[in-house]
Amino acid sequence: MTDVRPLRESPAYRRLWTGQTISGFGQQVSLVAVAFEVYSITHSSFYVGLVGLAGLLPLVLGGLYGGALVDAFDRRQVALVSALGLWTCSVALVVHSALGVRSVGVLYGIVAVQAVFFAVNNPARAAMLPQLLPSHLLPAANALGMAATNLSFTVGPLLGGVLIAWKGVEVAYLVDAVLFVAAL
């Protein structure tokens, strides 16, 4: 059984965890939708694979500087600004799809910017944990975070596939944008 004491004992941690968990489902829905949209535009698995590359390089470079930003500035502010950036990327996917742009380059660009914001947001959220919880609850908080991540990695793509089959990528992107509000 997972130790849920951090959720019971810290309202601030509970809000952070709940927001991360809900938005994680949306992020996974969006990942499936981007891959599906790239394939529907190009009919090439190679171009779908490039989605990962478009996200990887900025993630690595952003990760190098993300931790430094977290150390140099208020963690809460860095997390909030980077979360707003992530949400803006989700909205950009909605707009891209709603306008019928069908540009793989724009999708790659959005994924790259999203990766940079994620590389900053993730260490900022992780660095806030010691401020929200006593040290003896940190291992349980980390376990809860991993449980939420694993659940979103499992259920999110399934939900994405269902949404795409039901109403298309536009709805999948919209669900991501709406769910991401929980992280803010």
N, C-alpha and C. Protein backbone atom coordinates (compact mmCIF):
# COMPACT_ATOMS: atom_id res chain seq x y z
N MET A 1 0.84 -1.18 0.00
CA MET A 1 0.00 0.00 0.00
C MET A 1 0.88 1.24 0.00
N THR A 2 0.42 2.24 -0.71
CA THR A 2 1.14 3.50 -0.76
C THR A 2 0.83 4.32 0.49
N ASP A 3 1.86 4.94 1.03
CA ASP A 3 1.72 5.79 2.21
C ASP A 3 1.11 7.13 1.78
N VAL A 4 -0.09 7.41 2.22
CA VAL A 4 -0.80 8.64 1.82
C VAL A 4 -0.75 9.73 2.88
N ARG A 5 0.09 9.57 3.88
CA ARG A 5 0.18 10.58 4.94
C ARG A 5 0.48 11.99 4.41
N PRO A 6 1.35 12.14 3.39
CA PRO A 6 1.58 13.51 2.90
C PRO A 6 0.30 14.19 2.39
N LEU A 7 -0.59 13.40 1.79
CA LEU A 7 -1.85 13.97 1.30
C LEU A 7 -2.75 14.40 2.45
N ARG A 8 -2.70 13.63 3.53
CA ARG A 8 -3.54 13.96 4.70
C ARG A 8 -2.98 15.12 5.50
N GLU A 9 -1.66 15.18 5.62
CA GLU A 9 -1.05 16.11 6.56
C GLU A 9 -0.70 17.48 5.98
N SER A 10 -0.65 17.62 4.67
CA SER A 10 -0.26 18.91 4.09
C SER A 10 -1.22 19.32 2.98
N PRO A 11 -2.10 20.28 3.27
CA PRO A 11 -3.01 20.77 2.23
C PRO A 11 -2.27 21.33 1.01
N ALA A 12 -1.14 22.00 1.25
CA ALA A 12 -0.37 22.56 0.13
C ALA A 12 0.18 21.43 -0.76
N TYR A 13 0.72 20.38 -0.13
CA TYR A 13 1.20 19.24 -0.91
C TYR A 13 0.04 18.56 -1.64
N ARG A 14 -1.08 18.43 -0.97
CA ARG A 14 -2.25 17.79 -1.57
C ARG A 14 -2.68 18.55 -2.84
N ARG A 15 -2.67 19.88 -2.78
CA ARG A 15 -3.03 20.68 -3.96
C ARG A 15 -2.01 20.48 -5.09
N LEU A 16 -0.73 20.51 -4.73
CA LEU A 16 0.32 20.32 -5.73
C LEU A 16 0.20 18.94 -6.38
N TRP A 17 0.06 17.91 -5.57
CA TRP A 17 -0.03 16.54 -6.07
C TRP A 17 -1.27 16.36 -6.94
N THR A 18 -2.40 16.89 -6.49
CA THR A 18 -3.64 16.75 -7.25
C THR A 18 -3.52 17.45 -8.60
N GLY A 19 -2.97 18.65 -8.60
CA GLY A 19 -2.79 19.39 -9.85
C GLY A 19 -1.86 18.67 -10.81
N GLN A 20 -0.75 18.17 -10.29
CA GLN A 20 0.19 17.41 -11.11
C GLN A 20 -0.45 16.15 -11.67
N THR A 21 -1.20 15.47 -10.85
CA THR A 21 -1.81 14.21 -11.27
C THR A 21 -2.83 14.46 -12.38
N ILE A 22 -3.71 15.40 -12.17
CA ILE A 22 -4.74 15.69 -13.18
C ILE A 22 -4.10 16.18 -14.47
N SER A 23 -3.15 17.10 -14.37
CA SER A 23 -2.53 17.61 -15.58
C SER A 23 -1.69 16.54 -16.29
N GLY A 24 -1.17 15.59 -15.53
CA GLY A 24 -0.41 14.49 -16.14
C GLY A 24 -1.25 13.66 -17.11
N PHE A 25 -2.51 13.46 -16.77
CA PHE A 25 -3.40 12.74 -17.68
C PHE A 25 -3.55 13.52 -18.98
N GLY A 26 -3.74 14.83 -18.87
CA GLY A 26 -3.88 15.66 -20.06
C GLY A 26 -2.63 15.66 -20.92
N GLN A 27 -1.47 15.71 -20.29
CA GLN A 27 -0.22 15.70 -21.04
C GLN A 27 -0.08 14.42 -21.85
N GLN A 28 -0.46 13.30 -21.25
CA GLN A 28 -0.37 12.03 -21.97
C GLN A 28 -1.38 11.96 -23.11
N VAL A 29 -2.57 12.50 -22.89
CA VAL A 29 -3.58 12.58 -23.96
C VAL A 29 -3.01 13.37 -25.13
N SER A 30 -2.38 14.49 -24.81
CA SER A 30 -1.82 15.36 -25.83
C SER A 30 -0.67 14.69 -26.59
N LEU A 31 0.17 13.94 -25.89
CA LEU A 31 1.26 13.23 -26.56
C LEU A 31 0.74 12.27 -27.62
N VAL A 32 -0.31 11.56 -27.28
CA VAL A 32 -0.92 10.63 -28.24
C VAL A 32 -1.51 11.41 -29.42
N ALA A 33 -2.17 12.52 -29.11
CA ALA A 33 -2.81 13.32 -30.15
C ALA A 33 -1.78 13.91 -31.11
N VAL A 34 -0.65 14.40 -30.59
CA VAL A 34 0.39 14.95 -31.46
C VAL A 34 0.92 13.86 -32.39
N ALA A 35 1.23 12.70 -31.83
CA ALA A 35 1.74 11.61 -32.66
C ALA A 35 0.71 11.21 -33.72
N PHE A 36 -0.54 11.13 -33.32
CA PHE A 36 -1.60 10.77 -34.27
C PHE A 36 -1.73 11.83 -35.37
N GLU A 37 -1.67 13.10 -34.96
CA GLU A 37 -1.82 14.17 -35.96
C GLU A 37 -0.64 14.20 -36.92
N VAL A 38 0.57 14.02 -36.41
CA VAL A 38 1.73 13.98 -37.29
C VAL A 38 1.60 12.82 -38.27
N TYR A 39 1.17 11.68 -37.80
CA TYR A 39 1.00 10.54 -38.71
C TYR A 39 -0.10 10.81 -39.74
N SER A 40 -1.19 11.43 -39.31
CA SER A 40 -2.28 11.69 -40.25
C SER A 40 -1.88 12.72 -41.31
N ILE A 41 -0.94 13.60 -40.98
CA ILE A 41 -0.46 14.57 -41.97
C ILE A 41 0.57 13.95 -42.91
N THR A 42 1.50 13.17 -42.36
CA THR A 42 2.66 12.69 -43.14
C THR A 42 2.54 11.25 -43.61
N HIS A 43 1.74 10.44 -42.90
CA HIS A 43 1.66 8.99 -43.15
C HIS A 43 3.04 8.34 -43.04
N SER A 44 3.87 8.87 -42.12
CA SER A 44 5.23 8.37 -41.94
C SER A 44 5.52 8.15 -40.46
N SER A 45 5.92 6.94 -40.15
CA SER A 45 6.33 6.64 -38.78
C SER A 45 7.62 7.38 -38.42
N PHE A 46 8.46 7.63 -39.42
CA PHE A 46 9.70 8.36 -39.18
C PHE A 46 9.40 9.76 -38.62
N TYR A 47 8.44 10.45 -39.24
CA TYR A 47 8.09 11.79 -38.76
C TYR A 47 7.44 11.75 -37.38
N VAL A 48 6.74 10.69 -37.09
CA VAL A 48 6.20 10.52 -35.73
C VAL A 48 7.36 10.37 -34.75
N GLY A 49 8.37 9.62 -35.11
CA GLY A 49 9.54 9.45 -34.26
C GLY A 49 10.27 10.76 -34.02
N LEU A 50 10.23 11.65 -35.01
CA LEU A 50 10.89 12.95 -34.85
C LEU A 50 10.20 13.82 -33.80
N VAL A 51 8.96 13.50 -33.46
CA VAL A 51 8.29 14.22 -32.37
C VAL A 51 9.10 14.05 -31.09
N GLY A 52 9.55 12.83 -30.84
CA GLY A 52 10.38 12.56 -29.66
C GLY A 52 11.68 13.32 -29.69
N LEU A 53 12.30 13.40 -30.86
CA LEU A 53 13.55 14.14 -30.99
C LEU A 53 13.32 15.63 -30.80
N ALA A 54 12.20 16.13 -31.30
CA ALA A 54 11.87 17.56 -31.14
C ALA A 54 11.72 17.90 -29.65
N GLY A 55 11.28 16.95 -28.86
CA GLY A 55 11.14 17.18 -27.43
C GLY A 55 12.40 16.87 -26.64
N LEU A 56 13.21 15.94 -27.12
CA LEU A 56 14.38 15.50 -26.35
C LEU A 56 15.47 16.56 -26.25
N LEU A 57 15.85 17.12 -27.37
CA LEU A 57 16.95 18.10 -27.33
C LEU A 57 16.63 19.31 -26.46
N PRO A 58 15.46 19.92 -26.61
CA PRO A 58 15.15 21.04 -25.71
C PRO A 58 15.00 20.61 -24.25
N LEU A 59 14.55 19.38 -24.02
CA LEU A 59 14.42 18.88 -22.65
C LEU A 59 15.79 18.78 -21.99
N VAL A 60 16.77 18.28 -22.73
CA VAL A 60 18.12 18.15 -22.18
C VAL A 60 18.73 19.53 -21.94
N LEU A 61 18.63 20.41 -22.93
CA LEU A 61 19.20 21.74 -22.77
C LEU A 61 18.46 22.54 -21.70
N GLY A 62 17.14 22.44 -21.69
CA GLY A 62 16.36 23.12 -20.66
C GLY A 62 16.64 22.58 -19.28
N GLY A 63 16.90 21.29 -19.21
CA GLY A 63 17.22 20.66 -17.92
C GLY A 63 18.52 21.18 -17.33
N LEU A 64 19.46 21.52 -18.20
CA LEU A 64 20.74 22.05 -17.72
C LEU A 64 20.55 23.38 -17.01
N TYR A 65 19.61 24.17 -17.51
CA TYR A 65 19.40 25.50 -16.94
C TYR A 65 18.20 25.57 -16.00
N GLY A 66 17.32 24.60 -16.08
CA GLY A 66 16.13 24.60 -15.23
C GLY A 66 16.47 24.58 -13.75
N GLY A 67 17.39 23.72 -13.38
CA GLY A 67 17.80 23.63 -11.98
C GLY A 67 18.44 24.92 -11.49
N ALA A 68 19.23 25.57 -12.36
CA ALA A 68 19.87 26.83 -11.99
C ALA A 68 18.82 27.92 -11.76
N LEU A 69 17.79 27.94 -12.61
CA LEU A 69 16.71 28.92 -12.42
C LEU A 69 15.99 28.70 -11.09
N VAL A 70 15.76 27.43 -10.78
CA VAL A 70 15.08 27.10 -9.53
C VAL A 70 15.91 27.55 -8.33
N ASP A 71 17.22 27.40 -8.43
CA ASP A 71 18.09 27.81 -7.32
C ASP A 71 18.22 29.32 -7.22
N ALA A 72 18.12 30.02 -8.35
CA ALA A 72 18.34 31.46 -8.36
C ALA A 72 17.09 32.27 -8.02
N PHE A 73 15.92 31.70 -8.26
CA PHE A 73 14.67 32.45 -8.08
C PHE A 73 13.72 31.69 -7.15
N ASP A 74 12.65 32.35 -6.78
CA ASP A 74 11.64 31.73 -5.94
C ASP A 74 11.04 30.52 -6.66
N ARG A 75 11.10 29.38 -6.02
CA ARG A 75 10.65 28.12 -6.64
C ARG A 75 9.19 28.17 -7.06
N ARG A 76 8.38 28.77 -6.22
CA ARG A 76 6.94 28.85 -6.52
C ARG A 76 6.71 29.69 -7.77
N GLN A 77 7.44 30.80 -7.89
CA GLN A 77 7.29 31.67 -9.06
C GLN A 77 7.78 30.96 -10.32
N VAL A 78 8.91 30.28 -10.23
CA VAL A 78 9.44 29.54 -11.39
C VAL A 78 8.45 28.46 -11.80
N ALA A 79 7.89 27.76 -10.83
CA ALA A 79 6.92 26.71 -11.14
C ALA A 79 5.67 27.30 -11.78
N LEU A 80 5.21 28.42 -11.28
CA LEU A 80 4.01 29.04 -11.82
C LEU A 80 4.23 29.56 -13.24
N VAL A 81 5.35 30.25 -13.46
CA VAL A 81 5.63 30.78 -14.80
C VAL A 81 5.81 29.65 -15.80
N SER A 82 6.55 28.62 -15.42
CA SER A 82 6.75 27.50 -16.35
C SER A 82 5.46 26.73 -16.57
N ALA A 83 4.60 26.62 -15.55
CA ALA A 83 3.30 25.97 -15.74
C ALA A 83 2.42 26.78 -16.68
N LEU A 84 2.48 28.10 -16.57
CA LEU A 84 1.74 28.95 -17.51
C LEU A 84 2.26 28.75 -18.93
N GLY A 85 3.56 28.59 -19.07
CA GLY A 85 4.15 28.29 -20.39
C GLY A 85 3.66 26.96 -20.93
N LEU A 86 3.62 25.95 -20.07
CA LEU A 86 3.11 24.64 -20.49
C LEU A 86 1.65 24.72 -20.90
N TRP A 87 0.86 25.46 -20.13
CA TRP A 87 -0.55 25.61 -20.46
C TRP A 87 -0.72 26.36 -21.79
N THR A 88 0.12 27.37 -22.01
CA THR A 88 0.08 28.10 -23.27
C THR A 88 0.38 27.18 -24.45
N CYS A 89 1.31 26.27 -24.27
CA CYS A 89 1.61 25.29 -25.33
C CYS A 89 0.39 24.39 -25.58
N SER A 90 -0.30 24.00 -24.52
CA SER A 90 -1.52 23.19 -24.68
C SER A 90 -2.57 23.97 -25.46
N VAL A 91 -2.73 25.24 -25.13
CA VAL A 91 -3.69 26.08 -25.85
C VAL A 91 -3.25 26.25 -27.31
N ALA A 92 -1.95 26.38 -27.55
CA ALA A 92 -1.45 26.50 -28.92
C ALA A 92 -1.80 25.25 -29.74
N LEU A 93 -1.75 24.09 -29.13
CA LEU A 93 -2.15 22.87 -29.84
C LEU A 93 -3.64 22.91 -30.19
N VAL A 94 -4.45 23.40 -29.27
CA VAL A 94 -5.89 23.54 -29.53
C VAL A 94 -6.10 24.48 -30.71
N VAL A 95 -5.45 25.63 -30.68
CA VAL A 95 -5.61 26.63 -31.75
C VAL A 95 -5.11 26.08 -33.08
N HIS A 96 -3.95 25.45 -33.07
CA HIS A 96 -3.38 24.85 -34.28
C HIS A 96 -4.37 23.89 -34.92
N SER A 97 -4.95 23.06 -34.11
CA SER A 97 -5.88 22.07 -34.61
C SER A 97 -7.21 22.70 -35.04
N ALA A 98 -7.72 23.63 -34.24
CA ALA A 98 -9.01 24.26 -34.55
C ALA A 98 -8.94 25.06 -35.85
N LEU A 99 -7.79 25.67 -36.12
CA LEU A 99 -7.64 26.44 -37.36
C LEU A 99 -7.35 25.56 -38.57
N GLY A 100 -7.12 24.27 -38.33
CA GLY A 100 -6.83 23.35 -39.43
C GLY A 100 -5.50 23.61 -40.10
N VAL A 101 -4.50 24.05 -39.34
CA VAL A 101 -3.20 24.41 -39.91
C VAL A 101 -2.49 23.20 -40.52
N ARG A 102 -2.51 22.07 -39.86
CA ARG A 102 -1.89 20.83 -40.35
C ARG A 102 -0.41 21.02 -40.74
N SER A 103 0.35 21.64 -39.86
CA SER A 103 1.77 21.85 -40.09
C SER A 103 2.58 21.03 -39.10
N VAL A 104 3.36 20.11 -39.63
CA VAL A 104 4.22 19.28 -38.78
C VAL A 104 5.29 20.14 -38.11
N GLY A 105 5.80 21.12 -38.83
CA GLY A 105 6.82 22.01 -38.26
C GLY A 105 6.30 22.77 -37.05
N VAL A 106 5.07 23.25 -37.13
CA VAL A 106 4.49 23.95 -35.99
C VAL A 106 4.31 22.99 -34.82
N LEU A 107 3.87 21.78 -35.10
CA LEU A 107 3.72 20.79 -34.03
C LEU A 107 5.06 20.49 -33.37
N TYR A 108 6.12 20.32 -34.17
CA TYR A 108 7.45 20.09 -33.61
C TYR A 108 7.87 21.29 -32.75
N GLY A 109 7.59 22.49 -33.23
CA GLY A 109 7.96 23.69 -32.49
C GLY A 109 7.25 23.76 -31.14
N ILE A 110 5.95 23.45 -31.14
CA ILE A 110 5.20 23.47 -29.88
C ILE A 110 5.74 22.43 -28.92
N VAL A 111 6.03 21.24 -29.44
CA VAL A 111 6.59 20.17 -28.60
C VAL A 111 7.94 20.60 -28.02
N ALA A 112 8.76 21.27 -28.83
CA ALA A 112 10.08 21.72 -28.34
C ALA A 112 9.94 22.76 -27.23
N VAL A 113 9.07 23.73 -27.42
CA VAL A 113 8.87 24.76 -26.40
C VAL A 113 8.29 24.13 -25.14
N GLN A 114 7.36 23.20 -25.33
CA GLN A 114 6.77 22.49 -24.19
C GLN A 114 7.84 21.75 -23.39
N ALA A 115 8.79 21.14 -24.09
CA ALA A 115 9.86 20.40 -23.41
C ALA A 115 10.73 21.33 -22.57
N VAL A 116 11.00 22.53 -23.08
CA VAL A 116 11.80 23.49 -22.32
C VAL A 116 11.07 23.89 -21.03
N PHE A 117 9.78 24.20 -21.16
CA PHE A 117 9.01 24.57 -19.97
C PHE A 117 8.93 23.41 -18.98
N PHE A 118 8.79 22.19 -19.49
CA PHE A 118 8.74 21.02 -18.60
C PHE A 118 10.07 20.85 -17.87
N ALA A 119 11.17 21.09 -18.59
CA ALA A 119 12.50 20.94 -17.99
C ALA A 119 12.74 21.94 -16.87
N VAL A 120 12.03 23.05 -16.89
CA VAL A 120 12.13 24.04 -15.82
C VAL A 120 11.11 23.74 -14.73
N ASN A 121 9.90 23.36 -15.15
CA ASN A 121 8.81 23.14 -14.21
C ASN A 121 9.06 21.94 -13.29
N ASN A 122 9.56 20.87 -13.83
CA ASN A 122 9.75 19.64 -13.06
C ASN A 122 10.69 19.83 -11.87
N PRO A 123 11.89 20.40 -12.04
CA PRO A 123 12.73 20.61 -10.86
C PRO A 123 12.17 21.64 -9.89
N ALA A 124 11.41 22.61 -10.41
CA ALA A 124 10.82 23.60 -9.51
C ALA A 124 9.80 22.94 -8.58
N ARG A 125 8.97 22.06 -9.15
CA ARG A 125 7.98 21.36 -8.32
C ARG A 125 8.66 20.42 -7.34
N ALA A 126 9.68 19.73 -7.80
CA ALA A 126 10.40 18.79 -6.92
C ALA A 126 11.10 19.54 -5.79
N ALA A 127 11.63 20.70 -6.09
CA ALA A 127 12.36 21.48 -5.06
C ALA A 127 11.42 22.07 -4.02
N MET A 128 10.14 22.15 -4.33
CA MET A 128 9.18 22.70 -3.37
C MET A 128 8.80 21.69 -2.30
N LEU A 129 8.97 20.41 -2.57
CA LEU A 129 8.53 19.37 -1.62
C LEU A 129 9.09 19.55 -0.21
N PRO A 130 10.40 19.81 -0.05
CA PRO A 130 10.92 19.98 1.31
C PRO A 130 10.32 21.19 2.04
N GLN A 131 9.79 22.14 1.30
CA GLN A 131 9.17 23.30 1.93
C GLN A 131 7.73 22.99 2.35
N LEU A 132 7.14 21.97 1.74
CA LEU A 132 5.75 21.64 2.01
C LEU A 132 5.56 20.52 3.03
N LEU A 133 6.60 19.70 3.20
CA LEU A 133 6.48 18.51 4.04
C LEU A 133 7.67 18.36 4.97
N PRO A 134 7.46 17.75 6.12
CA PRO A 134 8.62 17.41 6.97
C PRO A 134 9.44 16.31 6.29
N SER A 135 10.71 16.24 6.63
CA SER A 135 11.63 15.33 5.94
C SER A 135 11.21 13.86 6.03
N HIS A 136 10.56 13.46 7.12
CA HIS A 136 10.19 12.04 7.23
C HIS A 136 9.06 11.66 6.26
N LEU A 137 8.38 12.64 5.67
CA LEU A 137 7.31 12.34 4.71
C LEU A 137 7.78 12.44 3.25
N LEU A 138 8.99 12.88 3.01
CA LEU A 138 9.47 13.04 1.64
C LEU A 138 9.51 11.73 0.86
N PRO A 139 9.98 10.61 1.45
CA PRO A 139 9.93 9.37 0.67
C PRO A 139 8.50 8.97 0.26
N ALA A 140 7.56 9.16 1.15
CA ALA A 140 6.16 8.85 0.80
C ALA A 140 5.65 9.78 -0.28
N ALA A 141 6.04 11.06 -0.23
CA ALA A 141 5.62 12.02 -1.25
C ALA A 141 6.20 11.65 -2.61
N ASN A 142 7.46 11.21 -2.61
CA ASN A 142 8.08 10.77 -3.87
C ASN A 142 7.38 9.53 -4.42
N ALA A 143 7.01 8.63 -3.56
CA ALA A 143 6.29 7.42 -3.99
C ALA A 143 4.92 7.79 -4.56
N LEU A 144 4.23 8.73 -3.91
CA LEU A 144 2.94 9.17 -4.42
C LEU A 144 3.09 9.84 -5.79
N GLY A 145 4.14 10.61 -5.96
CA GLY A 145 4.40 11.24 -7.25
C GLY A 145 4.64 10.22 -8.34
N MET A 146 5.42 9.19 -8.02
CA MET A 146 5.68 8.14 -9.01
C MET A 146 4.41 7.34 -9.32
N ALA A 147 3.60 7.10 -8.30
CA ALA A 147 2.34 6.38 -8.53
C ALA A 147 1.44 7.18 -9.47
N ALA A 148 1.36 8.48 -9.25
CA ALA A 148 0.54 9.33 -10.11
C ALA A 148 1.09 9.36 -11.53
N THR A 149 2.41 9.44 -11.65
CA THR A 149 3.03 9.45 -12.97
C THR A 149 2.76 8.15 -13.70
N ASN A 150 2.95 7.03 -13.02
CA ASN A 150 2.70 5.73 -13.65
C ASN A 150 1.24 5.58 -14.06
N LEU A 151 0.34 6.05 -13.23
CA LEU A 151 -1.08 5.96 -13.56
C LEU A 151 -1.39 6.82 -14.79
N SER A 152 -0.84 8.03 -14.84
CA SER A 152 -1.10 8.89 -16.00
C SER A 152 -0.46 8.31 -17.26
N PHE A 153 0.70 7.67 -17.14
CA PHE A 153 1.35 7.06 -18.29
C PHE A 153 0.55 5.87 -18.81
N THR A 154 -0.23 5.25 -17.95
CA THR A 154 -1.03 4.10 -18.35
C THR A 154 -2.40 4.51 -18.86
N VAL A 155 -3.09 5.35 -18.12
CA VAL A 155 -4.47 5.71 -18.45
C VAL A 155 -4.53 6.85 -19.47
N GLY A 156 -3.59 7.79 -19.40
CA GLY A 156 -3.60 8.95 -20.30
C GLY A 156 -3.62 8.60 -21.77
N PRO A 157 -2.69 7.74 -22.25
CA PRO A 157 -2.73 7.37 -23.67
C PRO A 157 -4.01 6.63 -24.05
N LEU A 158 -4.52 5.83 -23.15
CA LEU A 158 -5.79 5.14 -23.42
C LEU A 158 -6.91 6.17 -23.59
N LEU A 159 -6.97 7.12 -22.69
CA LEU A 159 -7.96 8.19 -22.79
C LEU A 159 -7.77 8.98 -24.07
N GLY A 160 -6.51 9.25 -24.43
CA GLY A 160 -6.22 9.96 -25.67
C GLY A 160 -6.74 9.22 -26.88
N GLY A 161 -6.51 7.92 -26.93
CA GLY A 161 -7.01 7.12 -28.05
C GLY A 161 -8.53 7.14 -28.14
N VAL A 162 -9.18 7.04 -26.99
CA VAL A 162 -10.65 7.07 -26.96
C VAL A 162 -11.16 8.43 -27.45
N LEU A 163 -10.55 9.51 -26.97
CA LEU A 163 -10.98 10.85 -27.38
C LEU A 163 -10.76 11.09 -28.87
N ILE A 164 -9.62 10.66 -29.38
CA ILE A 164 -9.33 10.83 -30.80
C ILE A 164 -10.33 10.04 -31.65
N ALA A 165 -10.59 8.80 -31.25
CA ALA A 165 -11.56 7.98 -32.00
C ALA A 165 -12.97 8.57 -31.92
N TRP A 166 -13.28 9.19 -30.80
CA TRP A 166 -14.63 9.73 -30.58
C TRP A 166 -14.85 11.05 -31.32
N LYS A 167 -13.94 12.02 -31.11
CA LYS A 167 -14.15 13.36 -31.65
C LYS A 167 -12.94 13.97 -32.35
N GLY A 168 -11.81 13.28 -32.39
CA GLY A 168 -10.64 13.81 -33.08
C GLY A 168 -9.63 14.47 -32.17
N VAL A 169 -8.52 14.91 -32.78
CA VAL A 169 -7.42 15.47 -32.00
C VAL A 169 -7.80 16.80 -31.35
N GLU A 170 -8.73 17.53 -31.96
CA GLU A 170 -9.12 18.82 -31.39
C GLU A 170 -9.63 18.65 -29.97
N VAL A 171 -10.48 17.66 -29.77
CA VAL A 171 -11.04 17.41 -28.44
C VAL A 171 -9.95 16.92 -27.48
N ALA A 172 -9.05 16.09 -27.98
CA ALA A 172 -7.95 15.60 -27.14
C ALA A 172 -7.09 16.77 -26.66
N TYR A 173 -6.76 17.69 -27.55
CA TYR A 173 -5.99 18.87 -27.16
C TYR A 173 -6.76 19.74 -26.18
N LEU A 174 -8.04 19.88 -26.41
CA LEU A 174 -8.88 20.69 -25.52
C LEU A 174 -8.93 20.08 -24.12
N VAL A 175 -9.06 18.77 -24.05
CA VAL A 175 -9.07 18.09 -22.75
C VAL A 175 -7.75 18.34 -22.02
N ASP A 176 -6.63 18.29 -22.76
CA ASP A 176 -5.33 18.58 -22.14
C ASP A 176 -5.30 20.00 -21.58
N ALA A 177 -5.73 20.98 -22.37
CA ALA A 177 -5.71 22.37 -21.92
C ALA A 177 -6.59 22.58 -20.69
N VAL A 178 -7.75 21.93 -20.68
CA VAL A 178 -8.67 22.07 -19.53
C VAL A 178 -8.09 21.39 -18.30
N LEU A 179 -7.57 20.17 -18.47
CA LEU A 179 -7.01 19.45 -17.33
C LEU A 179 -5.76 20.15 -16.77
N PHE A 180 -5.03 20.83 -17.64
CA PHE A 180 -3.82 21.49 -17.17
C PHE A 180 -4.11 22.65 -16.23
N VAL A 181 -5.30 23.19 -16.29
CA VAL A 181 -5.68 24.27 -15.38
C VAL A 181 -5.51 23.80 -13.93
N ALA A 182 -5.70 22.52 -13.68
CA ALA A 182 -5.52 21.98 -12.32
C ALA A 182 -4.10 22.19 -11.82
N ALA A 183 -3.12 22.16 -12.71
CA ALA A 183 -1.73 22.36 -12.30
C ALA A 183 -1.46 23.80 -11.93
N LEU A 184 -2.23 24.71 -12.49
CA LEU A 184 -2.01 26.12 -12.18
C LEU A 184 -2.54 26.44 -10.81
